[in-house]
Amino acid sequence: MISKTLADVSKKYFAASLERAIPEETPRMHVDEIAARVAKFYERVRSIVDYKDEHLLRKSFVNRVFRRRLMLGSGEGVSEAIIKETIRAGHLPNDTVPETKIAEINTIIRNYRLLAQNLPPMRNGSHDQLIAWLTEIAANAIEESLFPPTKDLALADLMFRTLRKSILVRGTTIEADVLDTQVFIAVQRALLGADRDLLHYRIFTHLAPGWQTMPESESLELARRLQDIKRTIDRLERNRFSSQFFRLANRYNTAFYLIGDIFDVSHSPESFTGLVENESEFESEIHRAYAVRFKRARARLNRLALLSVISFLISKIAVAIAIEVPLETYLTGDFSARNTLINVILPPLLMFLIVMFIRLPGKKNFALVMHEVKNIVTEEQEPRYVLEIPKKRNAFTEFIVQFMYAVTIVAVFYYLIRELLAFGFNGANITVFIFFVSMVAATGVKIHNRAKDLSLEKKRVSFLSFLLDLVSMPFVAIGRWILAGLAKFNPIVLAINLIIEAPFQVFVSFLENFRGFIKAKKEEIT
């Protein structure tokens, strides 16, 4: 028998899907096909440099367009321009977006401006930071309006309720409201792949529901509380237990993805319930869905690996031409073509080798996933999720651990730098070498973790893997810091945005208008 939680979620999901259905007679937005092909090609090339997961790439695109359009103009034209650019870039199909979306996004932008223009006085810097944060919130709201996450929110609701009902915390006592919040955050990150900006938006919509459409008087009141709300969200995100909650949710997310795939082959809550309660048919559909996801995961892993290698190669060549070669030629006077070539080739080669050794889960994994799916969808056996909170180390033990970690970092870099100096590397070569190897190490760990997305198997830890982690972690730590900084300030992406993108979009808009002019002239001929 289907669980009450799943039955309730499925009813809400199919009801929401019906509400979002667009009547056939509704006017749709259209862009010129030739201009769309040009814009779509540009976005594909750009994604090589600024690669992200598909949903984050789309979110980043909407954010980018929203910021640029705010600078270029105001009024209702901003909303229409955002939608048309999104269609041209291939993120939305042509002739499918209803024209009513223009008014919907206008409302979001209107309330964003009301909040931004009515913030209370703040200390220097705080105002600009809050505006930047609010802009991210508005961009996420626009993205969610254009791409309603009906199934995502349904699965998140199912996973939250399932985990919250069955979670068993060991090692400490956590208050109910903290438990609710941390499970919610973990589900958003592990199941929906929410980054920090999207996570803040989702929490904000819970703390200030309906902010996109609330009347002006309520928006003015919300503006006065906005800074306190942001501080609350920051505090919730930085909870010391958040990593443990994330690991728990990330381990079981595959089972919920597969249940979502069963939503896709059902047309109503009744057909969904019938499929779930037909054991043989249900197992067959889960097996098919798992096979599709496995194939998709392999393709995504290969794509992420390929783009990583290409991105590192392009970035390394750009750094060598713009910084490394001129610095060594004109400042230090000891330019070495051999060392520069090694620095150019080694990072993408190392990335390639890391990818070659990454493996997706084995055949035994499906049985584990199937068992977990059955536990979720039926009431015969309620799943039990155990969250082990490690005991807090005393001050002396913490000092020893931190000291040994610092010694390891110093030792690794000392011997690396000594070997590179013996090989003829200078200071600039060594700095660039460590910079890119650290980025490769952090990206490799990220790809390795993605390969485990489908896995419920427990990894065996060997002494060799421990030594490898010990040597690589200093690079991973630096690489994570670098990647976090580049996510906010990537000079190559910034140059593309400032020098290439704005003129390119002007060209695409001109091309569309010119094509419309030619078409009109052609139609005048009788």
Protein backbone atom coordinates (compact mmCIF):
# COMPACT_ATOMS: atom_id res chain seq x y z
CA MET A 1 0.00 0.00 0.00
CA ILE A 2 1.27 3.45 -0.92
CA SER A 3 2.38 5.62 1.99
CA LYS A 4 0.15 8.50 3.07
CA THR A 5 2.99 10.97 2.62
CA LEU A 6 3.64 9.93 -0.99
CA ALA A 7 -0.09 9.84 -1.81
CA ASP A 8 -0.50 13.37 -0.47
CA VAL A 9 2.55 14.67 -2.37
CA SER A 10 1.42 13.05 -5.62
CA LYS A 11 -2.03 14.66 -5.38
CA LYS A 12 -0.48 18.09 -4.82
CA TYR A 13 1.97 17.56 -7.67
CA PHE A 14 -0.62 16.61 -10.28
CA ALA A 15 -2.94 19.39 -9.09
CA ALA A 16 -0.12 21.94 -9.46
CA SER A 17 0.72 20.57 -12.91
CA LEU A 18 -2.88 21.09 -14.04
CA GLU A 19 -2.89 24.65 -12.69
CA ARG A 20 0.22 25.48 -14.72
CA ALA A 21 -1.24 24.12 -17.97
CA ILE A 22 -1.46 26.91 -20.57
CA PRO A 23 -4.65 27.17 -22.69
CA GLU A 24 -4.05 26.64 -26.42
CA GLU A 25 -5.47 30.05 -27.37
CA THR A 26 -2.98 31.96 -25.16
CA PRO A 27 -0.63 34.16 -27.28
CA ARG A 28 2.97 32.95 -27.19
CA MET A 29 6.25 34.82 -27.50
CA HIS A 30 8.27 34.42 -30.70
CA VAL A 31 11.87 35.26 -31.60
CA ASP A 32 13.57 35.15 -34.98
CA GLU A 33 14.97 31.68 -35.71
CA ILE A 34 18.22 32.91 -37.30
CA ALA A 35 18.97 35.26 -34.40
CA ALA A 36 18.17 32.41 -32.00
CA ARG A 37 20.67 30.10 -33.71
CA VAL A 38 23.41 32.72 -33.42
CA ALA A 39 22.63 33.39 -29.74
CA LYS A 40 22.41 29.66 -28.93
CA PHE A 41 25.80 29.01 -30.54
CA TYR A 42 27.32 31.82 -28.46
CA GLU A 43 25.92 30.34 -25.23
CA ARG A 44 27.35 26.91 -26.05
CA VAL A 45 30.81 28.36 -26.65
CA ARG A 46 30.54 30.49 -23.50
CA SER A 47 29.60 27.47 -21.37
CA ILE A 48 33.03 25.98 -22.10
CA VAL A 49 34.69 28.80 -20.17
CA ASP A 50 31.99 29.22 -17.50
CA TYR A 51 30.85 25.60 -17.12
CA LYS A 52 28.24 24.68 -14.53
CA ASP A 53 25.50 22.10 -14.06
CA GLU A 54 22.64 22.66 -16.49
CA HIS A 55 20.19 24.13 -13.96
CA LEU A 56 22.89 26.40 -12.49
CA LEU A 57 24.02 27.43 -15.97
CA ARG A 58 20.45 28.47 -16.76
CA LYS A 59 20.12 30.32 -13.46
CA SER A 60 23.44 32.08 -14.05
CA PHE A 61 22.25 33.11 -17.52
CA VAL A 62 19.03 34.66 -16.21
CA ASN A 63 20.99 36.43 -13.46
CA ARG A 64 23.44 37.82 -16.03
CA VAL A 65 20.70 39.05 -18.36
CA PHE A 66 18.70 40.55 -15.50
CA ARG A 67 21.67 42.58 -14.24
CA ARG A 68 22.59 43.81 -17.71
CA ARG A 69 19.02 44.77 -18.59
CA LEU A 70 18.65 46.68 -15.32
CA MET A 71 21.65 48.77 -16.32
CA LEU A 72 20.43 49.31 -19.89
CA GLY A 73 16.87 50.37 -19.21
CA SER A 74 13.74 50.28 -17.09
CA GLY A 75 10.04 49.66 -17.41
CA GLU A 76 8.20 46.77 -18.99
CA GLY A 77 10.84 46.40 -21.73
CA VAL A 78 13.17 44.73 -19.24
CA SER A 79 10.84 41.77 -18.70
CA GLU A 80 10.20 41.18 -22.39
CA ALA A 81 13.91 41.48 -23.19
CA ILE A 82 14.83 38.94 -20.49
CA ILE A 83 12.33 36.40 -21.81
CA LYS A 84 13.37 36.87 -25.45
CA GLU A 85 17.07 36.53 -24.63
CA THR A 86 16.30 33.34 -22.68
CA ILE A 87 14.43 31.91 -25.69
CA ARG A 88 17.17 32.92 -28.14
CA ALA A 89 19.83 31.26 -25.99
CA GLY A 90 17.95 27.97 -26.22
CA HIS A 91 16.96 27.74 -22.57
CA LEU A 92 13.25 28.00 -23.52
CA PRO A 93 11.55 26.64 -26.68
CA ASN A 94 10.34 29.23 -29.18
CA ASP A 95 6.58 29.90 -29.39
CA THR A 96 5.84 28.23 -26.02
CA VAL A 97 6.16 31.02 -23.45
CA PRO A 98 2.81 32.79 -22.87
CA GLU A 99 2.86 36.58 -23.18
CA THR A 100 1.35 36.73 -19.67
CA LYS A 101 4.86 35.97 -18.36
CA ILE A 102 5.83 39.56 -19.18
CA ALA A 103 3.40 40.94 -16.61
CA GLU A 104 4.42 38.24 -14.09
CA ILE A 105 8.07 39.18 -14.30
CA ASN A 106 7.19 42.89 -14.31
CA THR A 107 5.61 42.39 -10.89
CA ILE A 108 8.76 40.71 -9.56
CA ILE A 109 10.95 43.54 -10.86
CA ARG A 110 8.57 46.18 -9.49
CA ASN A 111 8.73 44.69 -5.99
CA TYR A 112 12.49 44.24 -6.27
CA ARG A 113 12.83 47.95 -7.00
CA LEU A 114 10.49 48.88 -4.16
CA LEU A 115 12.62 46.90 -1.72
CA ALA A 116 15.90 48.22 -3.11
CA GLN A 117 14.77 51.85 -3.07
CA ASN A 118 13.36 51.78 0.47
CA LEU A 119 16.13 50.12 2.46
CA PRO A 120 16.87 51.89 5.77
CA PRO A 121 20.16 53.81 6.24
CA MET A 122 23.17 51.51 6.72
CA ARG A 123 26.89 51.64 7.32
CA ASN A 124 29.25 52.05 4.36
CA GLY A 125 29.34 48.89 2.28
CA SER A 126 26.39 47.20 3.95
CA HIS A 127 23.88 48.86 1.62
CA ASP A 128 25.68 47.72 -1.55
CA GLN A 129 26.05 44.18 -0.18
CA LEU A 130 22.35 44.00 0.61
CA ILE A 131 21.43 45.33 -2.85
CA ALA A 132 23.66 42.69 -4.47
CA TRP A 133 22.04 39.98 -2.35
CA LEU A 134 18.55 41.25 -3.16
CA THR A 135 19.41 41.25 -6.87
CA GLU A 136 20.35 37.57 -6.61
CA ILE A 137 17.02 36.89 -4.88
CA ALA A 138 15.10 38.67 -7.66
CA ALA A 139 17.05 36.88 -10.41
CA ASN A 140 16.19 33.52 -8.84
CA ALA A 141 12.53 34.54 -8.63
CA ILE A 142 12.56 35.41 -12.35
CA GLU A 143 14.25 32.11 -13.21
CA GLU A 144 11.67 30.19 -11.17
CA SER A 145 8.86 32.09 -12.92
CA LEU A 146 10.23 31.13 -16.34
CA PHE A 147 11.00 27.54 -15.30
CA PRO A 148 8.43 26.54 -12.65
CA PRO A 149 10.04 23.76 -10.56
CA THR A 150 6.79 21.87 -9.97
CA LYS A 151 8.32 18.40 -9.78
CA ASP A 152 11.43 19.60 -7.92
CA LEU A 153 9.36 21.17 -5.17
CA ALA A 154 7.14 18.09 -4.92
CA LEU A 155 10.15 15.79 -4.53
CA ALA A 156 11.74 18.18 -2.05
CA ASP A 157 8.52 18.11 -0.02
CA LEU A 158 8.48 14.29 -0.15
CA MET A 159 12.12 14.00 0.87
CA PHE A 160 11.78 16.55 3.66
CA ARG A 161 8.74 14.84 5.15
CA THR A 162 10.28 11.38 4.79
CA LEU A 163 13.59 12.34 6.39
CA ARG A 164 12.01 14.47 9.08
CA LYS A 165 9.61 11.73 10.14
CA SER A 166 12.25 9.00 10.33
CA ILE A 167 15.50 10.72 11.22
CA LEU A 168 17.38 9.54 14.30
CA VAL A 169 20.13 11.84 15.58
CA ARG A 170 22.91 10.29 17.63
CA GLY A 171 25.69 12.05 19.48
CA THR A 172 23.87 15.23 20.43
CA THR A 173 20.46 16.80 20.99
CA ILE A 174 19.06 19.07 18.28
CA GLU A 175 15.96 21.19 18.83
CA ALA A 176 12.96 20.53 16.60
CA ASP A 177 13.03 23.89 14.79
CA VAL A 178 16.77 23.55 14.07
CA LEU A 179 16.16 20.01 12.84
CA ASP A 180 13.41 21.24 10.51
CA THR A 181 15.63 23.96 9.07
CA GLN A 182 18.69 21.77 8.58
CA VAL A 183 16.72 18.99 6.90
CA PHE A 184 15.15 21.59 4.60
CA ILE A 185 18.57 23.05 3.68
CA ALA A 186 20.08 19.60 3.18
CA VAL A 187 17.25 18.58 0.83
CA GLN A 188 17.60 21.78 -1.20
CA ARG A 189 21.32 21.24 -1.63
CA ALA A 190 21.44 17.45 -2.05
CA LEU A 191 18.26 16.80 -4.03
CA LEU A 192 17.86 20.02 -6.02
CA GLY A 193 21.52 20.99 -6.33
CA ALA A 194 20.87 24.46 -4.91
CA ASP A 195 23.91 26.71 -4.71
CA ARG A 196 24.22 29.44 -2.06
CA ASP A 197 22.18 32.01 -4.01
CA LEU A 198 19.32 29.63 -4.79
CA LEU A 199 19.34 28.33 -1.23
CA HIS A 200 19.05 31.88 0.13
CA TYR A 201 16.16 32.54 -2.26
CA ARG A 202 14.28 29.42 -1.13
CA ILE A 203 14.73 30.27 2.57
CA PHE A 204 13.78 33.89 1.89
CA THR A 205 10.51 32.84 0.25
CA HIS A 206 9.68 30.89 3.43
CA LEU A 207 10.53 33.80 5.72
CA ALA A 208 8.79 36.37 3.49
CA PRO A 209 6.12 34.43 1.54
CA GLY A 210 4.52 36.24 -1.39
CA TRP A 211 7.13 39.01 -1.50
CA GLN A 212 7.08 38.97 -5.32
CA THR A 213 3.43 40.06 -5.47
CA MET A 214 2.74 41.77 -2.13
CA PRO A 215 1.22 45.30 -2.15
CA GLU A 216 3.45 48.36 -1.83
CA SER A 217 2.70 48.97 1.86
CA GLU A 218 3.86 45.44 2.77
CA SER A 219 6.94 45.78 0.56
CA LEU A 220 7.94 48.94 2.43
CA GLU A 221 7.62 47.12 5.74
CA LEU A 222 9.63 44.19 4.39
CA ALA A 223 12.40 46.55 3.23
CA ARG A 224 12.91 47.69 6.82
CA ARG A 225 13.38 44.07 7.95
CA LEU A 226 15.45 42.90 5.01
CA GLN A 227 18.88 43.14 6.63
CA ASP A 228 17.71 41.19 9.70
CA ILE A 229 16.24 38.51 7.41
CA LYS A 230 19.54 38.18 5.56
CA ARG A 231 21.43 37.81 8.87
CA THR A 232 19.00 35.09 9.91
CA ILE A 233 19.51 33.20 6.65
CA ASP A 234 23.31 33.50 6.96
CA ARG A 235 23.13 32.09 10.47
CA LEU A 236 20.91 29.19 9.41
CA GLU A 237 23.25 28.29 6.55
CA ARG A 238 26.36 28.32 8.76
CA ASN A 239 25.00 25.83 11.30
CA ARG A 240 27.76 23.49 12.49
CA PHE A 241 25.66 20.40 11.72
CA SER A 242 24.88 21.36 8.10
CA SER A 243 27.60 19.17 6.52
CA GLN A 244 26.34 16.05 8.33
CA PHE A 245 22.75 16.72 7.24
CA PHE A 246 23.91 17.26 3.66
CA ARG A 247 25.83 13.99 3.54
CA LEU A 248 22.79 12.10 4.82
CA ALA A 249 20.44 13.65 2.25
CA ASN A 250 22.99 13.25 -0.54
CA ARG A 251 23.29 9.53 0.16
CA TYR A 252 19.58 8.85 -0.38
CA ASN A 253 18.64 11.38 -3.08
CA THR A 254 18.71 8.81 -5.91
CA ALA A 255 15.66 7.00 -4.53
CA PHE A 256 13.66 10.23 -4.64
CA TYR A 257 14.87 11.05 -8.16
CA LEU A 258 13.51 7.69 -9.34
CA ILE A 259 10.16 8.32 -7.69
CA GLY A 260 10.10 11.61 -9.60
CA ASP A 261 10.67 9.65 -12.82
CA ILE A 262 7.55 7.61 -12.01
CA PHE A 263 5.65 10.92 -11.78
CA ASP A 264 6.69 11.56 -15.40
CA VAL A 265 5.11 8.36 -16.72
CA SER A 266 1.88 8.87 -14.77
CA HIS A 267 -0.96 11.18 -15.77
CA SER A 268 -2.90 11.45 -12.53
CA PRO A 269 -2.61 10.57 -8.85
CA GLU A 270 -4.79 7.53 -9.50
CA SER A 271 -2.54 6.16 -12.27
CA PHE A 272 0.53 6.91 -10.13
CA THR A 273 -0.95 5.02 -7.16
CA GLY A 274 -1.94 2.12 -9.40
CA LEU A 275 1.57 1.88 -10.81
CA VAL A 276 3.19 1.97 -7.36
CA GLU A 277 0.89 -0.74 -6.00
CA ASN A 278 1.53 -3.04 -8.99
CA GLU A 279 4.79 -4.50 -7.70
CA SER A 280 6.14 -6.10 -10.89
CA GLU A 281 5.27 -3.13 -13.11
CA PHE A 282 6.65 -0.72 -10.54
CA GLU A 283 9.98 -2.58 -10.28
CA SER A 284 10.21 -2.65 -14.07
CA GLU A 285 9.64 1.12 -14.31
CA ILE A 286 12.19 1.82 -11.56
CA HIS A 287 14.74 -0.37 -13.33
CA ARG A 288 14.12 1.46 -16.60
CA ALA A 289 14.36 4.85 -14.90
CA TYR A 290 17.58 3.83 -13.15
CA ALA A 291 19.12 2.71 -16.45
CA VAL A 292 18.21 6.05 -18.04
CA ARG A 293 19.66 7.98 -15.12
CA PHE A 294 22.81 5.86 -15.15
CA LYS A 295 23.31 6.56 -18.85
CA ARG A 296 22.60 10.27 -18.30
CA ALA A 297 25.01 10.38 -15.35
CA ARG A 298 27.75 8.86 -17.50
CA ALA A 299 27.11 11.40 -20.27
CA ARG A 300 27.03 14.27 -17.77
CA LEU A 301 30.23 13.06 -16.14
CA ASN A 302 31.96 12.83 -19.51
CA ARG A 303 30.70 16.27 -20.48
CA LEU A 304 31.79 17.82 -17.18
CA ALA A 305 35.19 16.16 -17.52
CA LEU A 306 35.64 17.30 -21.13
CA LEU A 307 34.60 20.87 -20.37
CA SER A 308 36.90 20.90 -17.35
CA VAL A 309 39.88 19.83 -19.45
CA ILE A 310 39.09 22.36 -22.21
CA SER A 311 38.42 25.13 -19.69
CA PHE A 312 41.71 24.51 -17.89
CA LEU A 313 43.57 24.45 -21.20
CA ILE A 314 42.02 27.73 -22.39
CA SER A 315 42.49 29.42 -19.01
CA LYS A 316 46.10 28.24 -18.74
CA ILE A 317 46.98 29.46 -22.23
CA ALA A 318 45.33 32.82 -21.48
CA VAL A 319 47.27 33.19 -18.20
CA ALA A 320 50.53 32.19 -19.92
CA ILE A 321 50.08 34.73 -22.72
CA ALA A 322 48.74 37.57 -20.57
CA ILE A 323 50.82 37.17 -17.38
CA GLU A 324 53.41 34.41 -17.20
CA VAL A 325 55.34 34.99 -20.46
CA PRO A 326 55.48 38.83 -20.23
CA LEU A 327 56.44 38.64 -16.53
CA GLU A 328 59.32 36.26 -17.15
CA THR A 329 60.45 37.96 -20.36
CA TYR A 330 60.44 41.61 -19.34
CA LEU A 331 60.63 41.58 -15.53
CA THR A 332 62.68 38.60 -14.37
CA GLY A 333 64.45 37.94 -17.67
CA ASP A 334 64.49 34.16 -17.24
CA PHE A 335 61.70 33.00 -19.56
CA SER A 336 61.71 29.23 -20.14
CA ALA A 337 59.62 27.87 -22.99
CA ARG A 338 59.97 24.37 -21.53
CA ASN A 339 58.63 25.33 -18.10
CA THR A 340 55.80 27.38 -19.60
CA LEU A 341 54.82 24.47 -21.86
CA ILE A 342 54.78 22.12 -18.85
CA ASN A 343 52.59 24.57 -16.97
CA VAL A 344 50.22 24.78 -19.94
CA ILE A 345 49.95 21.03 -20.59
CA LEU A 346 50.13 19.53 -17.09
CA PRO A 347 46.83 20.84 -15.53
CA PRO A 348 44.52 19.59 -18.33
CA LEU A 349 46.55 16.35 -18.55
CA LEU A 350 46.21 15.82 -14.80
CA MET A 351 42.48 16.54 -15.07
CA PHE A 352 42.22 13.94 -17.85
CA LEU A 353 44.02 11.30 -15.74
CA ILE A 354 41.77 11.98 -12.73
CA VAL A 355 38.67 11.54 -14.88
CA MET A 356 40.02 8.29 -16.33
CA PHE A 357 40.06 6.71 -12.85
CA ILE A 358 36.57 7.84 -11.84
CA ARG A 359 33.97 5.07 -11.91
CA LEU A 360 30.19 5.07 -11.61
CA PRO A 361 28.55 2.68 -9.08
CA GLY A 362 28.54 -1.06 -9.83
CA LYS A 363 25.75 -3.54 -10.52
CA LYS A 364 25.06 -4.23 -6.82
CA ASN A 365 23.98 -0.63 -6.35
CA PHE A 366 20.58 -1.05 -8.01
CA ALA A 367 19.42 -3.58 -5.41
CA LEU A 368 20.25 -1.10 -2.64
CA VAL A 369 18.44 1.71 -4.47
CA MET A 370 15.39 -0.47 -5.15
CA HIS A 371 15.19 -1.44 -1.48
CA GLU A 372 15.28 2.22 -0.45
CA VAL A 373 12.61 3.19 -3.01
CA LYS A 374 10.28 0.47 -1.67
CA ASN A 375 10.79 1.69 1.87
CA ILE A 376 9.76 5.20 0.84
CA VAL A 377 6.69 4.39 -1.27
CA THR A 378 5.10 1.77 0.98
CA GLU A 379 4.00 1.73 4.58
CA GLU A 380 5.17 -1.84 5.20
CA GLN A 381 8.60 -0.78 6.43
CA GLU A 382 9.27 2.78 7.48
CA PRO A 383 12.81 3.89 6.57
CA ARG A 384 15.15 4.90 9.38
CA TYR A 385 17.79 7.54 8.70
CA VAL A 386 20.55 7.63 11.29
CA LEU A 387 22.53 10.87 11.58
CA GLU A 388 25.76 10.37 13.51
CA ILE A 389 27.10 13.61 14.96
CA PRO A 390 30.79 13.17 15.82
CA LYS A 391 31.77 14.02 19.36
CA LYS A 392 33.36 17.42 19.72
CA ARG A 393 37.09 17.12 20.29
CA ASN A 394 38.60 18.68 23.38
CA ALA A 395 40.88 21.69 23.00
CA PHE A 396 44.12 19.69 23.22
CA THR A 397 43.05 17.08 20.67
CA GLU A 398 41.77 19.79 18.33
CA PHE A 399 45.12 21.60 18.60
CA ILE A 400 47.06 18.42 17.79
CA VAL A 401 44.85 17.62 14.78
CA GLN A 402 45.10 21.17 13.41
CA PHE A 403 48.85 21.23 14.06
CA MET A 404 49.42 17.94 12.20
CA TYR A 405 47.29 19.16 9.31
CA ALA A 406 49.36 22.35 9.12
CA VAL A 407 52.59 20.32 9.23
CA THR A 408 51.29 18.15 6.38
CA ILE A 409 50.50 21.21 4.25
CA VAL A 410 53.92 22.74 4.88
CA ALA A 411 55.69 19.44 4.15
CA VAL A 412 53.80 18.82 0.90
CA PHE A 413 54.47 22.29 -0.49
CA TYR A 414 58.06 22.35 0.78
CA TYR A 415 59.01 19.20 -1.08
CA LEU A 416 57.02 20.21 -4.16
CA ILE A 417 58.69 23.62 -4.38
CA ARG A 418 62.12 22.08 -3.78
CA GLU A 419 61.63 19.63 -6.67
CA LEU A 420 60.29 22.34 -8.99
CA LEU A 421 63.28 24.60 -8.22
CA ALA A 422 65.62 21.71 -8.99
CA PHE A 423 63.79 21.27 -12.29
CA GLY A 424 64.49 24.90 -13.20
CA PHE A 425 61.16 26.52 -12.30
CA ASN A 426 61.24 30.13 -11.09
CA GLY A 427 58.88 31.84 -8.63
CA ALA A 428 56.31 32.76 -11.27
CA ASN A 429 56.30 29.21 -12.73
CA ILE A 430 55.85 27.67 -9.27
CA THR A 431 53.01 30.03 -8.31
CA VAL A 432 51.10 29.32 -11.52
CA PHE A 433 51.81 25.58 -11.18
CA ILE A 434 50.40 25.40 -7.64
CA PHE A 435 47.46 27.62 -8.61
CA PHE A 436 46.29 25.39 -11.47
CA VAL A 437 47.14 22.03 -9.88
CA SER A 438 45.05 23.10 -6.85
CA MET A 439 42.14 24.01 -9.12
CA VAL A 440 42.45 20.64 -10.87
CA ALA A 441 42.51 18.79 -7.53
CA ALA A 442 39.38 20.58 -6.26
CA THR A 443 37.55 20.07 -9.56
CA GLY A 444 38.58 16.42 -9.60
CA VAL A 445 37.09 15.90 -6.13
CA LYS A 446 33.91 17.63 -7.31
CA ILE A 447 33.63 15.33 -10.34
CA HIS A 448 34.43 12.29 -8.18
CA ASN A 449 31.60 13.22 -5.81
CA ARG A 450 29.24 13.65 -8.76
CA ALA A 451 30.08 10.11 -9.86
CA LYS A 452 28.73 8.87 -6.51
CA ASP A 453 25.36 10.63 -6.94
CA LEU A 454 23.60 7.37 -7.84
CA SER A 455 25.45 5.26 -5.29
CA LEU A 456 24.20 3.78 -2.04
CA GLU A 457 27.26 1.55 -1.74
CA LYS A 458 29.64 2.15 1.14
CA LYS A 459 33.15 3.04 0.00
CA ARG A 460 36.02 0.91 1.27
CA VAL A 461 38.82 3.00 2.72
CA SER A 462 42.35 1.67 2.15
CA PHE A 463 45.67 2.86 3.52
CA LEU A 464 46.70 3.90 0.00
CA SER A 465 43.60 6.07 -0.42
CA PHE A 466 44.32 7.63 2.98
CA LEU A 467 47.86 8.57 1.86
CA LEU A 468 46.51 9.95 -1.41
CA ASP A 469 43.98 12.09 0.49
CA LEU A 470 46.73 13.26 2.85
CA VAL A 471 48.90 14.49 -0.02
CA SER A 472 46.10 15.90 -2.15
CA MET A 473 44.04 17.70 0.52
CA PRO A 474 46.36 20.76 0.73
CA PHE A 475 45.83 21.27 -3.01
CA VAL A 476 42.09 20.60 -2.70
CA ALA A 477 41.79 23.14 0.13
CA ILE A 478 43.54 25.84 -1.90
CA GLY A 479 41.61 24.86 -5.03
CA ARG A 480 38.25 25.16 -3.27
CA TRP A 481 39.20 28.66 -2.11
CA ILE A 482 40.30 29.61 -5.64
CA LEU A 483 37.17 28.17 -7.28
CA ALA A 484 34.95 29.97 -4.78
CA GLY A 485 36.69 33.23 -5.63
CA LEU A 486 36.50 32.62 -9.38
CA ALA A 487 32.78 31.85 -9.08
CA LYS A 488 32.36 35.45 -7.92
CA PHE A 489 35.19 37.03 -9.91
CA ASN A 490 36.41 35.09 -12.93
CA PRO A 491 38.51 37.56 -14.99
CA ILE A 492 37.92 35.66 -18.24
CA VAL A 493 34.15 35.52 -17.71
CA LEU A 494 34.14 39.16 -16.58
CA ALA A 495 35.99 40.17 -19.75
CA ILE A 496 33.46 38.26 -21.87
CA ASN A 497 30.57 39.96 -20.07
CA LEU A 498 32.00 43.46 -20.44
CA ILE A 499 33.72 43.32 -23.83
CA ILE A 500 31.86 40.69 -25.84
CA GLU A 501 28.40 39.98 -24.46
CA ALA A 502 26.79 43.44 -24.46
CA PRO A 503 27.83 44.25 -28.09
CA PHE A 504 26.90 40.71 -29.13
CA GLN A 505 23.38 41.06 -27.73
CA VAL A 506 23.03 44.40 -29.53
CA PHE A 507 24.06 42.62 -32.73
CA VAL A 508 21.54 39.78 -32.16
CA SER A 509 18.76 42.31 -31.50
CA PHE A 510 19.71 44.19 -34.67
CA LEU A 511 19.77 40.94 -36.63
CA GLU A 512 16.26 40.07 -35.43
CA ASN A 513 14.92 43.53 -36.30
CA PHE A 514 16.66 43.51 -39.69
CA ARG A 515 15.27 40.06 -40.46
CA GLY A 516 11.81 41.31 -39.53
CA PHE A 517 12.27 44.30 -41.86
CA ILE A 518 13.33 42.09 -44.79
CA LYS A 519 10.42 39.72 -44.15
CA ALA A 520 7.95 42.61 -44.08
CA LYS A 521 9.33 43.98 -47.35
CA LYS A 522 9.06 40.55 -48.95
CA GLU A 523 5.44 40.20 -47.88
CA GLU A 524 4.61 43.59 -49.45
CA ILE A 525 5.33 42.16 -52.90
CA THR A 526 2.07 41.03 -54.53
